[in-house]
Amino acid sequence: MKKIFMMLLLAVCCTQLFAQSATQIFTDYRTVKGVKSTEIPEWMMKMARNKKMKDSISHKVLDGIDSMWVLEMSDCSRSKKNRFGERVQDLLNFGYDEILRTDDDGDNVSIMAKAKNGVFTDILLFIKKDDGGCQAVLIRGHVRTEDVKEVVKMAGHDD
């Protein structure tokens, strides 16, 4: 019985050791040569929240965003871009769901999110460009899925 318990404990520990998050991937790549990293911290997001908006739905979404992080990778090696893309796709094994995948004029666009109880905690936009470049945007916070659906409807993309 002790052996089974120890093996189970070891398996759980190993799973957690290799678990990934979008934040960890962005942290790993922000210092890679050729990667441009821009972080919009919480205090700056608070300033944006204070701006009056015409519609209350967009304000609700903005209110739930704590921070944003943008990585632009057009100047780094193809192998680094490919590895980044692989790690992003691996997030599907760690609680992230792909909510949209499309091909826009040769650019592959993927939107992934991690949600808990109807609230997005991470939203990741990943674009692999036709010319070999790639970009990623990570939005962190607590954004209600209903609010995002309303914004999509307002934009006229509710198909």
C-alpha atoms as a PDB file:
ATOM      1  CA  MET A   1       0.000   0.000   0.000  1.00  0.00           C
ATOM      2  CA  LYS A   2       2.852   2.371   0.844  1.00  0.00           C
ATOM      3  CA  LYS A   3       4.474   1.686  -2.537  1.00  0.00           C
ATOM      4  CA  ILE A   4       1.260   2.494  -4.395  1.00  0.00           C
ATOM      5  CA  PHE A   5       0.828   5.695  -2.407  1.00  0.00           C
ATOM      6  CA  MET A   6       4.434   6.760  -3.080  1.00  0.00           C
ATOM      7  CA  MET A   7       4.087   6.034  -6.814  1.00  0.00           C
ATOM      8  CA  LEU A   8       0.862   8.038  -6.956  1.00  0.00           C
ATOM      9  CA  LEU A   9       2.479  10.924  -5.080  1.00  0.00           C
ATOM     10  CA  LEU A  10       5.476  10.848  -7.429  1.00  0.00           C
ATOM     11  CA  ALA A  11       3.198  10.865 -10.494  1.00  0.00           C
ATOM     12  CA  VAL A  12       1.279  13.901  -9.210  1.00  0.00           C
ATOM     13  CA  CYS A  13       4.500  15.760  -8.408  1.00  0.00           C
ATOM     14  CA  CYS A  14       5.964  15.053 -11.853  1.00  0.00           C
ATOM     15  CA  THR A  15       2.786  16.217 -13.566  1.00  0.00           C
ATOM     16  CA  GLN A  16       2.899  19.504 -11.668  1.00  0.00           C
ATOM     17  CA  LEU A  17       6.604  19.903 -12.358  1.00  0.00           C
ATOM     18  CA  PHE A  18       6.052  19.801 -16.118  1.00  0.00           C
ATOM     19  CA  ALA A  19       2.773  21.746 -16.120  1.00  0.00           C
ATOM     20  CA  GLN A  20       2.913  24.834 -18.275  1.00  0.00           C
ATOM     21  CA  SER A  21       1.171  28.126 -18.288  1.00  0.00           C
ATOM     22  CA  ALA A  22       1.121  30.826 -20.917  1.00  0.00           C
ATOM     23  CA  THR A  23       2.830  33.142 -18.425  1.00  0.00           C
ATOM     24  CA  GLN A  24       5.736  30.702 -18.068  1.00  0.00           C
ATOM     25  CA  ILE A  25       6.150  30.461 -21.841  1.00  0.00           C
ATOM     26  CA  PHE A  26       6.146  34.255 -22.200  1.00  0.00           C
ATOM     27  CA  THR A  27       8.655  34.555 -19.333  1.00  0.00           C
ATOM     28  CA  ASP A  28      10.948  32.028 -21.006  1.00  0.00           C
ATOM     29  CA  TYR A  29      10.868  33.836 -24.369  1.00  0.00           C
ATOM     30  CA  ARG A  30      11.007  37.494 -23.325  1.00  0.00           C
ATOM     31  CA  THR A  31      14.815  37.460 -23.222  1.00  0.00           C
ATOM     32  CA  VAL A  32      15.399  35.377 -26.371  1.00  0.00           C
ATOM     33  CA  LYS A  33      17.464  37.185 -28.989  1.00  0.00           C
ATOM     34  CA  GLY A  34      15.211  38.711 -31.649  1.00  0.00           C
ATOM     35  CA  VAL A  35      12.055  38.715 -29.495  1.00  0.00           C
ATOM     36  CA  LYS A  36      10.403  42.041 -28.694  1.00  0.00           C
ATOM     37  CA  SER A  37       8.505  41.879 -25.415  1.00  0.00           C
ATOM     38  CA  THR A  38       6.032  44.517 -24.221  1.00  0.00           C
ATOM     39  CA  GLU A  39       4.180  44.208 -20.932  1.00  0.00           C
ATOM     40  CA  ILE A  40       1.220  46.379 -19.961  1.00  0.00           C
ATOM     41  CA  PRO A  41       1.080  46.141 -16.166  1.00  0.00           C
ATOM     42  CA  GLU A  42      -1.946  46.332 -13.904  1.00  0.00           C
ATOM     43  CA  TRP A  43      -1.437  49.996 -12.964  1.00  0.00           C
ATOM     44  CA  MET A  44      -1.561  50.977 -16.630  1.00  0.00           C
ATOM     45  CA  MET A  45      -4.681  48.872 -17.166  1.00  0.00           C
ATOM     46  CA  LYS A  46      -6.279  50.730 -14.245  1.00  0.00           C
ATOM     47  CA  MET A  47      -5.611  54.007 -16.047  1.00  0.00           C
ATOM     48  CA  ALA A  48      -7.370  52.645 -19.143  1.00  0.00           C
ATOM     49  CA  ARG A  49     -10.337  51.539 -17.014  1.00  0.00           C
ATOM     50  CA  ASN A  50     -10.813  55.094 -15.772  1.00  0.00           C
ATOM     51  CA  LYS A  51     -11.440  56.327 -19.311  1.00  0.00           C
ATOM     52  CA  LYS A  52     -15.114  56.768 -20.112  1.00  0.00           C
ATOM     53  CA  MET A  53     -16.407  54.412 -22.796  1.00  0.00           C
ATOM     54  CA  LYS A  54     -19.489  54.618 -24.970  1.00  0.00           C
ATOM     55  CA  ASP A  55     -20.666  51.090 -24.226  1.00  0.00           C
ATOM     56  CA  SER A  56     -20.804  49.382 -20.872  1.00  0.00           C
ATOM     57  CA  ILE A  57     -19.969  45.897 -22.222  1.00  0.00           C
ATOM     58  CA  SER A  58     -16.497  46.921 -23.432  1.00  0.00           C
ATOM     59  CA  HIS A  59     -15.949  48.611 -20.086  1.00  0.00           C
ATOM     60  CA  LYS A  60     -16.902  45.387 -18.255  1.00  0.00           C
ATOM     61  CA  VAL A  61     -14.369  43.418 -20.298  1.00  0.00           C
ATOM     62  CA  LEU A  62     -11.658  46.026 -19.765  1.00  0.00           C
ATOM     63  CA  ASP A  63     -12.509  46.067 -16.071  1.00  0.00           C
ATOM     64  CA  GLY A  64     -11.671  42.363 -15.843  1.00  0.00           C
ATOM     65  CA  ILE A  65      -8.257  42.645 -17.516  1.00  0.00           C
ATOM     66  CA  ASP A  66      -5.343  42.809 -15.081  1.00  0.00           C
ATOM     67  CA  SER A  67      -2.444  42.845 -17.536  1.00  0.00           C
ATOM     68  CA  MET A  68      -1.418  42.256 -21.138  1.00  0.00           C
ATOM     69  CA  TRP A  69       1.817  40.962 -22.594  1.00  0.00           C
ATOM     70  CA  VAL A  70       2.836  41.086 -26.256  1.00  0.00           C
ATOM     71  CA  LEU A  71       5.660  39.087 -27.868  1.00  0.00           C
ATOM     72  CA  GLU A  72       6.743  39.896 -31.420  1.00  0.00           C
ATOM     73  CA  MET A  73       9.096  37.307 -32.901  1.00  0.00           C
ATOM     74  CA  SER A  74       9.787  38.292 -36.511  1.00  0.00           C
ATOM     75  CA  ASP A  75      13.541  38.744 -35.895  1.00  0.00           C
ATOM     76  CA  CYS A  76      14.335  35.460 -34.143  1.00  0.00           C
ATOM     77  CA  SER A  77      15.321  32.142 -35.685  1.00  0.00           C
ATOM     78  CA  ARG A  78      12.773  29.855 -37.307  1.00  0.00           C
ATOM     79  CA  SER A  79      13.601  27.094 -34.810  1.00  0.00           C
ATOM     80  CA  LYS A  80      12.800  29.416 -31.869  1.00  0.00           C
ATOM     81  CA  LYS A  81       9.486  30.388 -33.496  1.00  0.00           C
ATOM     82  CA  ASN A  82       8.616  26.746 -34.148  1.00  0.00           C
ATOM     83  CA  ARG A  83       9.456  25.745 -30.567  1.00  0.00           C
ATOM     84  CA  PHE A  84       7.361  28.644 -29.248  1.00  0.00           C
ATOM     85  CA  GLY A  85       4.424  27.480 -31.396  1.00  0.00           C
ATOM     86  CA  GLU A  86       4.820  23.914 -30.130  1.00  0.00           C
ATOM     87  CA  ARG A  87       4.802  25.080 -26.521  1.00  0.00           C
ATOM     88  CA  VAL A  88       1.693  27.181 -27.157  1.00  0.00           C
ATOM     89  CA  GLN A  89      -0.068  24.146 -28.679  1.00  0.00           C
ATOM     90  CA  ASP A  90       1.003  22.059 -25.659  1.00  0.00           C
ATOM     91  CA  LEU A  91      -1.130  24.361 -23.491  1.00  0.00           C
ATOM     92  CA  LEU A  92      -4.140  22.393 -24.759  1.00  0.00           C
ATOM     93  CA  ASN A  93      -2.904  19.575 -22.491  1.00  0.00           C
ATOM     94  CA  PHE A  94      -2.773  21.881 -19.460  1.00  0.00           C
ATOM     95  CA  GLY A  95      -6.284  23.277 -19.086  1.00  0.00           C
ATOM     96  CA  TYR A  96      -6.397  25.662 -22.040  1.00  0.00           C
ATOM     97  CA  ASP A  97      -9.107  25.383 -24.699  1.00  0.00           C
ATOM     98  CA  GLU A  98      -8.865  26.549 -28.273  1.00  0.00           C
ATOM     99  CA  ILE A  99     -11.830  28.841 -28.817  1.00  0.00           C
ATOM    100  CA  LEU A 100     -10.969  29.925 -32.357  1.00  0.00           C
ATOM    101  CA  ARG A 101      -8.637  28.848 -35.158  1.00  0.00           C
ATOM    102  CA  THR A 102      -8.694  30.521 -38.537  1.00  0.00           C
ATOM    103  CA  ASP A 103      -6.575  31.205 -41.584  1.00  0.00           C
ATOM    104  CA  ASP A 104      -6.582  34.913 -42.428  1.00  0.00           C
ATOM    105  CA  ASP A 105      -4.826  35.673 -45.744  1.00  0.00           C
ATOM    106  CA  GLY A 106      -2.184  33.026 -45.075  1.00  0.00           C
ATOM    107  CA  ASP A 107      -1.703  33.963 -41.412  1.00  0.00           C
ATOM    108  CA  ASN A 108      -2.724  31.241 -38.951  1.00  0.00           C
ATOM    109  CA  VAL A 109      -4.610  32.714 -36.003  1.00  0.00           C
ATOM    110  CA  SER A 110      -5.382  30.771 -32.850  1.00  0.00           C
ATOM    111  CA  ILE A 111      -7.163  32.000 -29.735  1.00  0.00           C
ATOM    112  CA  MET A 112      -6.843  29.866 -26.628  1.00  0.00           C
ATOM    113  CA  ALA A 113      -8.234  30.473 -23.177  1.00  0.00           C
ATOM    114  CA  LYS A 114      -8.179  29.081 -19.697  1.00  0.00           C
ATOM    115  CA  ALA A 115     -11.479  29.445 -17.874  1.00  0.00           C
ATOM    116  CA  LYS A 116     -12.830  28.564 -14.476  1.00  0.00           C
ATOM    117  CA  ASN A 117     -16.496  28.852 -13.483  1.00  0.00           C
ATOM    118  CA  GLY A 118     -17.413  30.902 -16.552  1.00  0.00           C
ATOM    119  CA  VAL A 119     -14.520  33.339 -16.138  1.00  0.00           C
ATOM    120  CA  PHE A 120     -11.485  33.577 -18.418  1.00  0.00           C
ATOM    121  CA  THR A 121      -8.248  33.876 -16.433  1.00  0.00           C
ATOM    122  CA  ASP A 122      -5.927  33.713 -19.459  1.00  0.00           C
ATOM    123  CA  ILE A 123      -6.686  34.568 -23.076  1.00  0.00           C
ATOM    124  CA  LEU A 124      -3.903  33.891 -25.579  1.00  0.00           C
ATOM    125  CA  LEU A 125      -3.892  35.141 -29.158  1.00  0.00           C
ATOM    126  CA  PHE A 126      -1.227  33.472 -31.316  1.00  0.00           C
ATOM    127  CA  ILE A 127      -0.561  34.529 -34.911  1.00  0.00           C
ATOM    128  CA  LYS A 128       1.830  32.642 -37.162  1.00  0.00           C
ATOM    129  CA  LYS A 129       2.394  34.855 -40.178  1.00  0.00           C
ATOM    130  CA  ASP A 130       2.754  33.706 -43.753  1.00  0.00           C
ATOM    131  CA  ASP A 131       6.181  35.408 -43.976  1.00  0.00           C
ATOM    132  CA  GLY A 132       7.548  33.308 -41.086  1.00  0.00           C
ATOM    133  CA  GLY A 133       7.039  35.823 -38.276  1.00  0.00           C
ATOM    134  CA  CYS A 134       4.866  35.188 -35.275  1.00  0.00           C
ATOM    135  CA  GLN A 135       3.213  37.258 -32.584  1.00  0.00           C
ATOM    136  CA  ALA A 136       1.428  36.430 -29.373  1.00  0.00           C
ATOM    137  CA  VAL A 137      -0.719  38.423 -26.969  1.00  0.00           C
ATOM    138  CA  LEU A 138      -1.493  37.192 -23.455  1.00  0.00           C
ATOM    139  CA  ILE A 139      -4.370  38.789 -21.560  1.00  0.00           C
ATOM    140  CA  ARG A 140      -4.535  37.977 -17.829  1.00  0.00           C
ATOM    141  CA  GLY A 141      -7.387  38.760 -15.507  1.00  0.00           C
ATOM    142  CA  HIS A 142     -10.918  37.687 -14.701  1.00  0.00           C
ATOM    143  CA  VAL A 143     -13.146  38.312 -17.707  1.00  0.00           C
ATOM    144  CA  ARG A 144     -16.614  36.780 -17.780  1.00  0.00           C
ATOM    145  CA  THR A 145     -17.277  34.629 -20.833  1.00  0.00           C
ATOM    146  CA  GLU A 146     -20.717  36.262 -21.279  1.00  0.00           C
ATOM    147  CA  ASP A 147     -19.092  39.695 -21.536  1.00  0.00           C
ATOM    148  CA  VAL A 148     -16.713  38.477 -24.240  1.00  0.00           C
ATOM    149  CA  LYS A 149     -19.653  36.997 -26.178  1.00  0.00           C
ATOM    150  CA  GLU A 150     -21.442  40.366 -25.999  1.00  0.00           C
ATOM    151  CA  VAL A 151     -18.390  42.185 -27.380  1.00  0.00           C
ATOM    152  CA  VAL A 152     -18.160  39.659 -30.227  1.00  0.00           C
ATOM    153  CA  LYS A 153     -21.858  40.232 -30.999  1.00  0.00           C
ATOM    154  CA  MET A 154     -21.335  44.005 -31.015  1.00  0.00           C
ATOM    155  CA  ALA A 155     -18.483  43.574 -33.485  1.00  0.00           C
ATOM    156  CA  GLY A 156     -20.805  41.606 -35.770  1.00  0.00           C
ATOM    157  CA  HIS A 157     -18.935  38.299 -35.539  1.00  0.00           C
ATOM    158  CA  ASP A 158     -21.531  36.196 -33.772  1.00  0.00           C
ATOM    159  CA  ASP A 159     -21.568  33.292 -36.227  1.00  0.00           C
END
